[in-house]
Structure formats: structure tokens, C-alpha cells
Amino acid sequence: HAGIPHGGFVIHSGKTGWNEENTHVIEYSLKLDS
């Protein structure tokens, strides 16, 4: 366990359209060696 890796994700899903017929997913991620 000498290393200190980390990372993660922020994911947002939302709707648009008068009937909320369209779904959008925004994802931001990090993968960190240190």
C-alpha cells in the first residue's frame, strides 16, 4: 500500500423537452496515480 492512487466520477443526468423525452448524461472523471 505504498502508492496513493485515487480518482472518481461526477455524473449528472437531466431531462429536456416539453415532455421530458430527452435524457442527457454529463460525466467527468479523474484517474490519478498520485
PDB file of all heavy atoms in Angstrom:
ATOM      1  N   HIS A   1       0.829  -1.215   0.000  1.00  0.00           N
ATOM      2  CA  HIS A   1       0.000   0.000   0.000  1.00  0.00           C
ATOM      3  C   HIS A   1       0.861   1.262   0.000  1.00  0.00           C
ATOM      4  O   HIS A   1       0.504   2.276   0.612  1.00  0.00           O
ATOM      5  CB  HIS A   1      -0.941  -0.006   1.211  1.00  0.00           C
ATOM      6  CG  HIS A   1      -1.765  -1.243   1.322  1.00  0.00           C
ATOM      7  ND1 HIS A   1      -2.887  -1.478   0.553  1.00  0.00           N
ATOM      8  CD2 HIS A   1      -1.598  -2.357   2.097  1.00  0.00           C
ATOM      9  CE1 HIS A   1      -3.399  -2.663   0.869  1.00  0.00           C
ATOM     10  NE2 HIS A   1      -2.631  -3.211   1.795  1.00  0.00           N
ATOM     11  N   ALA A   2       1.995   1.210  -0.693  1.00  0.00           N
ATOM     12  CA  ALA A   2       2.912   2.349  -0.708  1.00  0.00           C
ATOM     13  C   ALA A   2       2.397   3.494  -1.580  1.00  0.00           C
ATOM     14  O   ALA A   2       2.665   4.662  -1.313  1.00  0.00           O
ATOM     15  CB  ALA A   2       4.293   1.909  -1.187  1.00  0.00           C
ATOM     16  N   GLY A   3       1.689   3.192  -2.645  1.00  0.00           N
ATOM     17  CA  GLY A   3       1.198   4.229  -3.551  1.00  0.00           C
ATOM     18  C   GLY A   3      -0.005   4.959  -2.984  1.00  0.00           C
ATOM     19  O   GLY A   3      -0.624   4.527  -2.011  1.00  0.00           O
ATOM     20  N   ILE A   4      -0.333   6.092  -3.601  1.00  0.00           N
ATOM     21  CA  ILE A   4      -1.503   6.866  -3.164  1.00  0.00           C
ATOM     22  C   ILE A   4      -2.364   7.206  -4.393  1.00  0.00           C
ATOM     23  O   ILE A   4      -2.542   8.376  -4.746  1.00  0.00           O
ATOM     24  CB  ILE A   4      -1.079   8.140  -2.405  1.00  0.00           C
ATOM     25  CG1 ILE A   4       0.039   7.842  -1.406  1.00  0.00           C
ATOM     26  CG2 ILE A   4      -2.278   8.734  -1.658  1.00  0.00           C
ATOM     27  CD1 ILE A   4       0.511   9.037  -0.627  1.00  0.00           C
ATOM     28  N   PRO A   5      -2.886   6.185  -5.073  1.00  0.00           N
ATOM     29  CA  PRO A   5      -3.746   6.452  -6.230  1.00  0.00           C
ATOM     30  C   PRO A   5      -5.139   6.889  -5.787  1.00  0.00           C
ATOM     31  O   PRO A   5      -5.543   6.653  -4.652  1.00  0.00           O
ATOM     32  CB  PRO A   5      -3.806   5.092  -6.924  1.00  0.00           C
ATOM     33  CG  PRO A   5      -3.735   4.120  -5.780  1.00  0.00           C
ATOM     34  CD  PRO A   5      -2.770   4.749  -4.789  1.00  0.00           C
ATOM     35  N   HIS A   6      -5.849   7.541  -6.670  1.00  0.00           N
ATOM     36  CA  HIS A   6      -7.253   7.868  -6.393  1.00  0.00           C
ATOM     37  C   HIS A   6      -7.921   8.286  -7.697  1.00  0.00           C
ATOM     38  O   HIS A   6      -7.349   8.174  -8.775  1.00  0.00           O
ATOM     39  CB  HIS A   6      -7.384   8.950  -5.333  1.00  0.00           C
ATOM     40  CG  HIS A   6      -8.561   8.739  -4.414  1.00  0.00           C
ATOM     41  ND1 HIS A   6      -9.756   8.208  -4.843  1.00  0.00           N
ATOM     42  CD2 HIS A   6      -8.716   8.990  -3.087  1.00  0.00           C
ATOM     43  CE1 HIS A   6     -10.599   8.131  -3.823  1.00  0.00           C
ATOM     44  NE2 HIS A   6      -9.987   8.593  -2.748  1.00  0.00           N
ATOM     45  N   GLY A   7      -9.125   8.790  -7.572  1.00  0.00           N
ATOM     46  CA  GLY A   7      -9.879   9.217  -8.738  1.00  0.00           C
ATOM     47  C   GLY A   7     -11.354   9.193  -8.430  1.00  0.00           C
ATOM     48  O   GLY A   7     -11.769   9.066  -7.273  1.00  0.00           O
ATOM     49  N   GLY A   8     -12.160   9.283  -9.481  1.00  0.00           N
ATOM     50  CA  GLY A   8     -13.598   9.234  -9.264  1.00  0.00           C
ATOM     51  C   GLY A   8     -14.363   9.827 -10.425  1.00  0.00           C
ATOM     52  O   GLY A   8     -13.797  10.136 -11.484  1.00  0.00           O
ATOM     53  N   PHE A   9     -15.666   9.985 -10.193  1.00  0.00           N
ATOM     54  CA  PHE A   9     -16.581  10.389 -11.247  1.00  0.00           C
ATOM     55  C   PHE A   9     -17.622  11.355 -10.688  1.00  0.00           C
ATOM     56  O   PHE A   9     -18.107  11.173  -9.573  1.00  0.00           O
ATOM     57  CB  PHE A   9     -17.339   9.179 -11.808  1.00  0.00           C
ATOM     58  CG  PHE A   9     -16.463   7.997 -12.152  1.00  0.00           C
ATOM     59  CD1 PHE A   9     -16.098   7.077 -11.169  1.00  0.00           C
ATOM     60  CD2 PHE A   9     -16.005   7.813 -13.446  1.00  0.00           C
ATOM     61  CE1 PHE A   9     -15.298   5.989 -11.478  1.00  0.00           C
ATOM     62  CE2 PHE A   9     -15.206   6.714 -13.756  1.00  0.00           C
ATOM     63  CZ  PHE A   9     -14.848   5.815 -12.769  1.00  0.00           C
ATOM     64  N   VAL A  10     -17.947  12.375 -11.467  1.00  0.00           N
ATOM     65  CA  VAL A  10     -19.145  13.181 -11.238  1.00  0.00           C
ATOM     66  C   VAL A  10     -20.040  12.942 -12.436  1.00  0.00           C
ATOM     67  O   VAL A  10     -19.645  13.174 -13.586  1.00  0.00           O
ATOM     68  CB  VAL A  10     -18.826  14.683 -11.116  1.00  0.00           C
ATOM     69  CG1 VAL A  10     -20.122  15.491 -11.043  1.00  0.00           C
ATOM     70  CG2 VAL A  10     -17.986  14.951  -9.883  1.00  0.00           C
ATOM     71  N   ILE A  11     -21.228  12.438 -12.179  1.00  0.00           N
ATOM     72  CA  ILE A  11     -22.168  12.103 -13.254  1.00  0.00           C
ATOM     73  C   ILE A  11     -23.479  12.835 -12.987  1.00  0.00           C
ATOM     74  O   ILE A  11     -24.032  12.761 -11.889  1.00  0.00           O
ATOM     75  CB  ILE A  11     -22.415  10.581 -13.319  1.00  0.00           C
ATOM     76  CG1 ILE A  11     -21.085   9.829 -13.470  1.00  0.00           C
ATOM     77  CG2 ILE A  11     -23.357  10.236 -14.475  1.00  0.00           C
ATOM     78  CD1 ILE A  11     -21.205   8.325 -13.335  1.00  0.00           C
ATOM     79  N   HIS A  12     -23.963  13.534 -13.996  1.00  0.00           N
ATOM     80  CA  HIS A  12     -25.229  14.264 -13.887  1.00  0.00           C
ATOM     81  C   HIS A  12     -26.121  13.846 -15.051  1.00  0.00           C
ATOM     82  O   HIS A  12     -25.703  13.889 -16.211  1.00  0.00           O
ATOM     83  CB  HIS A  12     -24.991  15.776 -13.942  1.00  0.00           C
ATOM     84  CG  HIS A  12     -26.235  16.591 -13.744  1.00  0.00           C
ATOM     85  ND1 HIS A  12     -26.597  17.112 -12.520  1.00  0.00           N
ATOM     86  CD2 HIS A  12     -27.206  16.972 -14.613  1.00  0.00           C
ATOM     87  CE1 HIS A  12     -27.723  17.786 -12.653  1.00  0.00           C
ATOM     88  NE2 HIS A  12     -28.108  17.714 -13.917  1.00  0.00           N
ATOM     89  N   SER A  13     -27.316  13.424 -14.728  1.00  0.00           N
ATOM     90  CA  SER A  13     -28.286  13.107 -15.788  1.00  0.00           C
ATOM     91  C   SER A  13     -29.476  14.046 -15.642  1.00  0.00           C
ATOM     92  O   SER A  13     -29.927  14.323 -14.531  1.00  0.00           O
ATOM     93  CB  SER A  13     -28.747  11.651 -15.702  1.00  0.00           C
ATOM     94  OG  SER A  13     -29.380  11.383 -14.469  1.00  0.00           O
ATOM     95  N   GLY A  14     -29.933  14.563 -16.779  1.00  0.00           N
ATOM     96  CA  GLY A  14     -31.041  15.504 -16.750  1.00  0.00           C
ATOM     97  C   GLY A  14     -31.919  15.367 -17.982  1.00  0.00           C
ATOM     98  O   GLY A  14     -31.534  14.754 -18.980  1.00  0.00           O
ATOM     99  N   LYS A  15     -33.069  15.961 -17.899  1.00  0.00           N
ATOM    100  CA  LYS A  15     -34.069  15.870 -18.968  1.00  0.00           C
ATOM    101  C   LYS A  15     -34.252  17.227 -19.654  1.00  0.00           C
ATOM    102  O   LYS A  15     -34.133  18.279 -19.021  1.00  0.00           O
ATOM    103  CB  LYS A  15     -35.412  15.430 -18.398  1.00  0.00           C
ATOM    104  CG  LYS A  15     -35.409  14.099 -17.659  1.00  0.00           C
ATOM    105  CD  LYS A  15     -35.389  12.936 -18.617  1.00  0.00           C
ATOM    106  CE  LYS A  15     -35.579  11.620 -17.870  1.00  0.00           C
ATOM    107  NZ  LYS A  15     -35.578  10.455 -18.790  1.00  0.00           N
ATOM    108  N   THR A  16     -34.557  17.180 -20.956  1.00  0.00           N
ATOM    109  CA  THR A  16     -35.039  18.352 -21.678  1.00  0.00           C
ATOM    110  C   THR A  16     -36.213  17.928 -22.543  1.00  0.00           C
ATOM    111  O   THR A  16     -36.456  16.740 -22.744  1.00  0.00           O
ATOM    112  CB  THR A  16     -33.950  18.973 -22.579  1.00  0.00           C
ATOM    113  OG1 THR A  16     -33.541  18.004 -23.551  1.00  0.00           O
ATOM    114  CG2 THR A  16     -32.752  19.437 -21.765  1.00  0.00           C
ATOM    115  N   GLY A  17     -36.892  18.922 -23.080  1.00  0.00           N
ATOM    116  CA  GLY A  17     -38.080  18.647 -23.898  1.00  0.00           C
ATOM    117  C   GLY A  17     -39.347  18.856 -23.085  1.00  0.00           C
ATOM    118  O   GLY A  17     -39.370  18.603 -21.873  1.00  0.00           O
ATOM    119  N   TRP A  18     -40.418  19.339 -23.753  1.00  0.00           N
ATOM    120  CA  TRP A  18     -41.663  19.657 -23.051  1.00  0.00           C
ATOM    121  C   TRP A  18     -42.244  18.429 -22.354  1.00  0.00           C
ATOM    122  O   TRP A  18     -42.919  18.548 -21.339  1.00  0.00           O
ATOM    123  CB  TRP A  18     -42.683  20.255 -24.019  1.00  0.00           C
ATOM    124  CG  TRP A  18     -42.244  21.593 -24.559  1.00  0.00           C
ATOM    125  CD1 TRP A  18     -41.857  21.882 -25.827  1.00  0.00           C
ATOM    126  CD2 TRP A  18     -42.116  22.802 -23.807  1.00  0.00           C
ATOM    127  NE1 TRP A  18     -41.496  23.209 -25.929  1.00  0.00           N
ATOM    128  CE2 TRP A  18     -41.652  23.800 -24.708  1.00  0.00           C
ATOM    129  CE3 TRP A  18     -42.356  23.161 -22.482  1.00  0.00           C
ATOM    130  CZ2 TRP A  18     -41.423  25.111 -24.312  1.00  0.00           C
ATOM    131  CZ3 TRP A  18     -42.127  24.462 -22.084  1.00  0.00           C
ATOM    132  CH2 TRP A  18     -41.664  25.426 -23.002  1.00  0.00           C
ATOM    133  N   ASN A  19     -41.985  17.280 -22.909  1.00  0.00           N
ATOM    134  CA  ASN A  19     -42.460  16.045 -22.283  1.00  0.00           C
ATOM    135  C   ASN A  19     -41.324  15.268 -21.619  1.00  0.00           C
ATOM    136  O   ASN A  19     -41.466  14.072 -21.339  1.00  0.00           O
ATOM    137  CB  ASN A  19     -43.144  15.161 -23.338  1.00  0.00           C
ATOM    138  CG  ASN A  19     -44.364  15.819 -23.933  1.00  0.00           C
ATOM    139  OD1 ASN A  19     -45.203  16.357 -23.210  1.00  0.00           O
ATOM    140  ND2 ASN A  19     -44.457  15.813 -25.262  1.00  0.00           N
ATOM    141  N   GLU A  20     -40.206  15.955 -21.419  1.00  0.00           N
ATOM    142  CA  GLU A  20     -39.019  15.335 -20.808  1.00  0.00           C
ATOM    143  C   GLU A  20     -38.617  14.061 -21.542  1.00  0.00           C
ATOM    144  O   GLU A  20     -38.244  13.061 -20.935  1.00  0.00           O
ATOM    145  CB  GLU A  20     -39.258  15.047 -19.320  1.00  0.00           C
ATOM    146  CG  GLU A  20     -39.501  16.299 -18.495  1.00  0.00           C
ATOM    147  CD  GLU A  20     -39.548  16.020 -17.008  1.00  0.00           C
ATOM    148  OE1 GLU A  20     -39.730  14.842 -16.635  1.00  0.00           O
ATOM    149  OE2 GLU A  20     -39.397  16.971 -16.225  1.00  0.00           O
ATOM    150  N   GLU A  21     -38.682  14.135 -22.871  1.00  0.00           N
ATOM    151  CA  GLU A  21     -38.425  12.940 -23.674  1.00  0.00           C
ATOM    152  C   GLU A  21     -36.945  12.700 -23.948  1.00  0.00           C
ATOM    153  O   GLU A  21     -36.555  11.614 -24.384  1.00  0.00           O
ATOM    154  CB  GLU A  21     -39.181  13.024 -25.009  1.00  0.00           C
ATOM    155  CG  GLU A  21     -38.723  14.137 -25.952  1.00  0.00           C
ATOM    156  CD  GLU A  21     -39.463  15.441 -25.752  1.00  0.00           C
ATOM    157  OE1 GLU A  21     -39.966  15.673 -24.622  1.00  0.00           O
ATOM    158  OE2 GLU A  21     -39.537  16.237 -26.704  1.00  0.00           O
ATOM    159  N   ASN A  22     -36.108  13.698 -23.677  1.00  0.00           N
ATOM    160  CA  ASN A  22     -34.686  13.563 -23.976  1.00  0.00           C
ATOM    161  C   ASN A  22     -33.847  13.544 -22.697  1.00  0.00           C
ATOM    162  O   ASN A  22     -33.961  14.432 -21.851  1.00  0.00           O
ATOM    163  CB  ASN A  22     -34.218  14.710 -24.878  1.00  0.00           C
ATOM    164  CG  ASN A  22     -34.907  14.679 -26.233  1.00  0.00           C
ATOM    165  OD1 ASN A  22     -34.966  13.636 -26.867  1.00  0.00           O
ATOM    166  ND2 ASN A  22     -35.446  15.815 -26.658  1.00  0.00           N
ATOM    167  N   THR A  23     -33.004  12.534 -22.609  1.00  0.00           N
ATOM    168  CA  THR A  23     -32.130  12.375 -21.437  1.00  0.00           C
ATOM    169  C   THR A  23     -30.697  12.693 -21.832  1.00  0.00           C
ATOM    170  O   THR A  23     -30.226  12.277 -22.884  1.00  0.00           O
ATOM    171  CB  THR A  23     -32.198  10.932 -20.888  1.00  0.00           C
ATOM    172  OG1 THR A  23     -33.543  10.643 -20.488  1.00  0.00           O
ATOM    173  CG2 THR A  23     -31.266  10.758 -19.695  1.00  0.00           C
ATOM    174  N   HIS A  24     -29.997  13.430 -20.980  1.00  0.00           N
ATOM    175  CA  HIS A  24     -28.604  13.788 -21.224  1.00  0.00           C
ATOM    176  C   HIS A  24     -27.776  13.381 -20.008  1.00  0.00           C
ATOM    177  O   HIS A  24     -28.200  13.580 -18.871  1.00  0.00           O
ATOM    178  CB  HIS A  24     -28.468  15.294 -21.453  1.00  0.00           C
ATOM    179  CG  HIS A  24     -29.452  15.845 -22.431  1.00  0.00           C
ATOM    180  ND1 HIS A  24     -29.276  15.790 -23.787  1.00  0.00           N
ATOM    181  CD2 HIS A  24     -30.671  16.434 -22.230  1.00  0.00           C
ATOM    182  CE1 HIS A  24     -30.318  16.338 -24.399  1.00  0.00           C
ATOM    183  NE2 HIS A  24     -31.173  16.737 -23.468  1.00  0.00           N
ATOM    184  N   VAL A  25     -26.611  12.832 -20.262  1.00  0.00           N
ATOM    185  CA  VAL A  25     -25.723  12.413 -19.180  1.00  0.00           C
ATOM    186  C   VAL A  25     -24.379  13.113 -19.347  1.00  0.00           C
ATOM    187  O   VAL A  25     -23.749  13.033 -20.404  1.00  0.00           O
ATOM    188  CB  VAL A  25     -25.515  10.883 -19.165  1.00  0.00           C
ATOM    189  CG1 VAL A  25     -24.544  10.488 -18.050  1.00  0.00           C
ATOM    190  CG2 VAL A  25     -26.845  10.158 -18.988  1.00  0.00           C
ATOM    191  N   ILE A  26     -23.971  13.843 -18.327  1.00  0.00           N
ATOM    192  CA  ILE A  26     -22.667  14.514 -18.300  1.00  0.00           C
ATOM    193  C   ILE A  26     -21.786  13.750 -17.324  1.00  0.00           C
ATOM    194  O   ILE A  26     -22.184  13.508 -16.179  1.00  0.00           O
ATOM    195  CB  ILE A  26     -22.803  15.971 -17.829  1.00  0.00           C
ATOM    196  CG1 ILE A  26     -23.752  16.759 -18.744  1.00  0.00           C
ATOM    197  CG2 ILE A  26     -21.438  16.654 -17.773  1.00  0.00           C
ATOM    198  CD1 ILE A  26     -24.103  18.140 -18.201  1.00  0.00           C
ATOM    199  N   GLU A  27     -20.591  13.354 -17.765  1.00  0.00           N
ATOM    200  CA  GLU A  27     -19.693  12.620 -16.880  1.00  0.00           C
ATOM    201  C   GLU A  27     -18.292  13.241 -16.920  1.00  0.00           C
ATOM    202  O   GLU A  27     -17.742  13.498 -17.985  1.00  0.00           O
ATOM    203  CB  GLU A  27     -19.611  11.145 -17.265  1.00  0.00           C
ATOM    204  CG  GLU A  27     -18.670  10.347 -16.356  1.00  0.00           C
ATOM    205  CD  GLU A  27     -18.762   8.845 -16.566  1.00  0.00           C
ATOM    206  OE1 GLU A  27     -19.757   8.374 -17.168  1.00  0.00           O
ATOM    207  OE2 GLU A  27     -17.835   8.133 -16.126  1.00  0.00           O
ATOM    208  N   TYR A  28     -17.760  13.472 -15.733  1.00  0.00           N
ATOM    209  CA  TYR A  28     -16.395  13.978 -15.582  1.00  0.00           C
ATOM    210  C   TYR A  28     -15.657  12.991 -14.694  1.00  0.00           C
ATOM    211  O   TYR A  28     -16.175  12.581 -13.658  1.00  0.00           O
ATOM    212  CB  TYR A  28     -16.418  15.362 -14.927  1.00  0.00           C
ATOM    213  CG  TYR A  28     -15.062  15.955 -14.638  1.00  0.00           C
ATOM    214  CD1 TYR A  28     -14.330  16.592 -15.637  1.00  0.00           C
ATOM    215  CD2 TYR A  28     -14.517  15.902 -13.367  1.00  0.00           C
ATOM    216  CE1 TYR A  28     -13.086  17.152 -15.370  1.00  0.00           C
ATOM    217  CE2 TYR A  28     -13.277  16.459 -13.088  1.00  0.00           C
ATOM    218  CZ  TYR A  28     -12.567  17.078 -14.098  1.00  0.00           C
ATOM    219  OH  TYR A  28     -11.331  17.630 -13.824  1.00  0.00           O
ATOM    220  N   SER A  29     -14.477  12.585 -15.126  1.00  0.00           N
ATOM    221  CA  SER A  29     -13.764  11.577 -14.339  1.00  0.00           C
ATOM    222  C   SER A  29     -12.287  11.926 -14.211  1.00  0.00           C
ATOM    223  O   SER A  29     -11.722  12.650 -15.027  1.00  0.00           O
ATOM    224  CB  SER A  29     -13.912  10.186 -14.981  1.00  0.00           C
ATOM    225  OG  SER A  29     -13.217  10.118 -16.218  1.00  0.00           O
ATOM    226  N   LEU A  30     -11.693  11.393 -13.148  1.00  0.00           N
ATOM    227  CA  LEU A  30     -10.262  11.524 -12.907  1.00  0.00           C
ATOM    228  C   LEU A  30      -9.695  10.162 -12.538  1.00  0.00           C
ATOM    229  O   LEU A  30     -10.310   9.402 -11.798  1.00  0.00           O
ATOM    230  CB  LEU A  30      -9.993  12.492 -11.741  1.00  0.00           C
ATOM    231  CG  LEU A  30     -10.296  13.972 -11.954  1.00  0.00           C
ATOM    232  CD1 LEU A  30     -10.146  14.717 -10.638  1.00  0.00           C
ATOM    233  CD2 LEU A  30      -9.387  14.563 -13.009  1.00  0.00           C
ATOM    234  N   LYS A  31      -8.511   9.863 -13.042  1.00  0.00           N
ATOM    235  CA  LYS A  31      -7.775   8.663 -12.660  1.00  0.00           C
ATOM    236  C   LYS A  31      -6.366   9.113 -12.313  1.00  0.00           C
ATOM    237  O   LYS A  31      -5.602   9.527 -13.188  1.00  0.00           O
ATOM    238  CB  LYS A  31      -7.751   7.642 -13.802  1.00  0.00           C
ATOM    239  CG  LYS A  31      -7.082   6.326 -13.409  1.00  0.00           C
ATOM    240  CD  LYS A  31      -7.140   5.320 -14.543  1.00  0.00           C
ATOM    241  CE  LYS A  31      -6.476   4.010 -14.141  1.00  0.00           C
ATOM    242  NZ  LYS A  31      -6.493   3.019 -15.261  1.00  0.00           N
ATOM    243  N   LEU A  32      -6.031   9.031 -11.044  1.00  0.00           N
ATOM    244  CA  LEU A  32      -4.814   9.665 -10.539  1.00  0.00           C
ATOM    245  C   LEU A  32      -3.842   8.630  -9.987  1.00  0.00           C
ATOM    246  O   LEU A  32      -4.186   7.858  -9.092  1.00  0.00           O
ATOM    247  CB  LEU A  32      -5.171  10.654  -9.427  1.00  0.00           C
ATOM    248  CG  LEU A  32      -6.358  11.602  -9.707  1.00  0.00           C
ATOM    249  CD1 LEU A  32      -6.671  12.428  -8.468  1.00  0.00           C
ATOM    250  CD2 LEU A  32      -6.047  12.495 -10.900  1.00  0.00           C
ATOM    251  N   ASP A  33      -2.610   8.645 -10.496  1.00  0.00           N
ATOM    252  CA  ASP A  33      -1.568   7.791  -9.927  1.00  0.00           C
ATOM    253  C   ASP A  33      -1.167   8.263  -8.542  1.00  0.00           C
ATOM    254  O   ASP A  33      -0.806   7.466  -7.679  1.00  0.00           O
ATOM    255  CB  ASP A  33      -0.331   7.780 -10.829  1.00  0.00           C
ATOM    256  CG  ASP A  33      -0.443   6.787 -11.973  1.00  0.00           C
ATOM    257  OD1 ASP A  33      -1.410   5.996 -11.983  1.00  0.00           O
ATOM    258  OD2 ASP A  33       0.431   6.810 -12.860  1.00  0.00           O
ATOM    259  N   SER A  34      -1.197   9.580  -8.329  1.00  0.00           N
ATOM    260  CA  SER A  34      -0.806  10.136  -7.032  1.00  0.00           C
ATOM    261  C   SER A  34      -1.817  11.196  -6.616  1.00  0.00           C
ATOM    262  O   SER A  34      -1.830  12.299  -7.159  1.00  0.00           O
ATOM    263  CB  SER A  34       0.598  10.748  -7.095  1.00  0.00           C
ATOM    264  OG  SER A  34       0.879  11.462  -5.900  1.00  0.00           O
TER     265      SER A  34
END
